[in-house]
Amino acid sequence: MKLRPLHDQVLVLRLESEAKTAGGIIIPDTAKEKPYQGEIIAAGPGKLDKDGKRIPPDVKKGDRVLFQRYAGTEVKIDGVEHLMMREDDVLCIIE
């Protein structure tokens, strides 16, 4: 399935969190929090300002990002869970 986000929407694939703590304790799946990091899979063309001029997004495909805790809508694409969110929900790009 191919998706093309509209306006300032981005499609994010969550990156897996560590299954072990620094002390070596293994965290079971039921106790793990969902990670707040992801990779941009696709980005829309940007939003329009009040004059109708398009503002391009700051993120692009392949960027690793941090996003807000409850950001986005979960979508399954080919059996893999992704998040569709506004670019405003992205906090920063990880370099």
Protein backbone atom coordinates (compact mmCIF):
# COMPACT_ATOMS: atom_id res chain seq x y z
CA MET A 1 0.00 0.00 0.00
CA LYS A 2 1.32 3.45 -0.89
CA LEU A 3 0.36 6.49 1.17
CA ARG A 4 1.05 10.13 0.40
CA PRO A 5 0.43 12.39 3.42
CA LEU A 6 -1.42 15.63 2.78
CA HIS A 7 -0.59 19.14 3.96
CA ASP A 8 1.63 19.06 7.09
CA GLN A 9 1.04 15.38 7.95
CA VAL A 10 3.94 12.93 8.36
CA LEU A 11 3.99 9.13 8.46
CA VAL A 12 6.28 7.80 11.21
CA LEU A 13 7.52 4.27 11.92
CA ARG A 14 8.18 3.83 15.65
CA LEU A 15 11.68 2.67 16.54
CA GLU A 16 11.85 -0.20 19.01
CA SER A 17 12.86 0.64 22.57
CA GLU A 18 15.48 -1.26 24.52
CA ALA A 19 14.28 -4.54 26.06
CA LYS A 20 16.95 -4.41 28.78
CA THR A 21 17.81 -1.76 31.37
CA ALA A 22 21.35 -0.45 31.95
CA GLY A 23 21.57 -2.80 34.95
CA GLY A 24 20.74 -5.82 32.78
CA ILE A 25 17.11 -6.33 33.83
CA ILE A 26 14.96 -7.57 30.94
CA ILE A 27 11.71 -5.62 30.53
CA PRO A 28 8.71 -7.71 29.41
CA ASP A 29 6.60 -6.46 26.48
CA THR A 30 3.62 -5.78 28.75
CA ALA A 31 5.64 -3.37 30.94
CA LYS A 32 7.37 -1.51 28.10
CA GLU A 33 6.23 1.99 27.20
CA LYS A 34 5.84 2.78 23.53
CA PRO A 35 8.91 4.59 22.22
CA TYR A 36 8.80 8.31 21.40
CA GLN A 37 11.34 7.95 18.61
CA GLY A 38 10.63 7.14 15.01
CA GLU A 39 11.71 7.41 11.42
CA ILE A 40 9.89 9.59 8.92
CA ILE A 41 8.56 7.31 6.17
CA ALA A 42 6.74 10.03 4.21
CA ALA A 43 5.98 13.74 4.61
CA GLY A 44 3.30 15.92 3.05
CA PRO A 45 4.09 18.97 0.90
CA GLY A 46 3.58 21.39 3.82
CA LYS A 47 0.81 23.62 5.09
CA LEU A 48 -0.54 26.78 3.54
CA ASP A 49 -0.10 30.15 5.22
CA LYS A 50 -2.85 32.78 5.32
CA ASP A 51 -1.82 34.09 1.87
CA GLY A 52 -2.05 30.63 0.28
CA LYS A 53 1.73 30.18 0.01
CA ARG A 54 2.98 26.67 0.81
CA ILE A 55 5.40 26.33 3.75
CA PRO A 56 7.59 23.24 3.17
CA PRO A 57 8.03 20.81 6.10
CA ASP A 58 11.23 20.83 8.18
CA VAL A 59 11.37 17.01 8.21
CA LYS A 60 12.00 14.71 5.28
CA LYS A 61 11.92 10.99 4.56
CA GLY A 62 14.57 9.11 6.54
CA ASP A 63 14.87 11.60 9.42
CA ARG A 64 14.95 10.14 12.97
CA VAL A 65 12.70 12.19 15.20
CA LEU A 66 11.36 12.52 18.74
CA PHE A 67 7.62 13.13 19.00
CA GLN A 68 5.06 13.91 21.68
CA ARG A 69 3.77 11.10 23.89
CA TYR A 70 0.17 10.97 22.63
CA ALA A 71 0.82 12.25 19.13
CA GLY A 72 -0.75 10.89 16.02
CA THR A 73 -3.14 8.22 14.91
CA GLU A 74 -2.03 4.61 14.70
CA VAL A 75 -2.37 3.03 11.26
CA LYS A 76 -1.44 -0.46 10.07
CA ILE A 77 0.23 -0.61 6.68
CA ASP A 78 1.00 -4.09 5.34
CA GLY A 79 0.76 -5.44 8.91
CA VAL A 80 3.23 -2.91 10.36
CA GLU A 81 2.04 -0.26 12.84
CA HIS A 82 2.81 3.36 11.90
CA LEU A 83 1.76 6.76 13.23
CA MET A 84 0.18 9.51 11.13
CA MET A 85 0.73 12.88 12.84
CA ARG A 86 1.02 16.59 12.21
CA GLU A 87 4.49 18.00 11.76
CA ASP A 88 3.81 20.18 14.84
CA ASP A 89 3.81 17.00 16.99
CA VAL A 90 7.45 16.33 16.05
CA LEU A 91 9.67 17.78 18.78
CA CYS A 92 13.10 17.46 17.18
CA ILE A 93 15.25 15.69 14.60
CA ILE A 94 17.90 13.30 15.98
CA GLU A 95 21.21 13.81 14.20
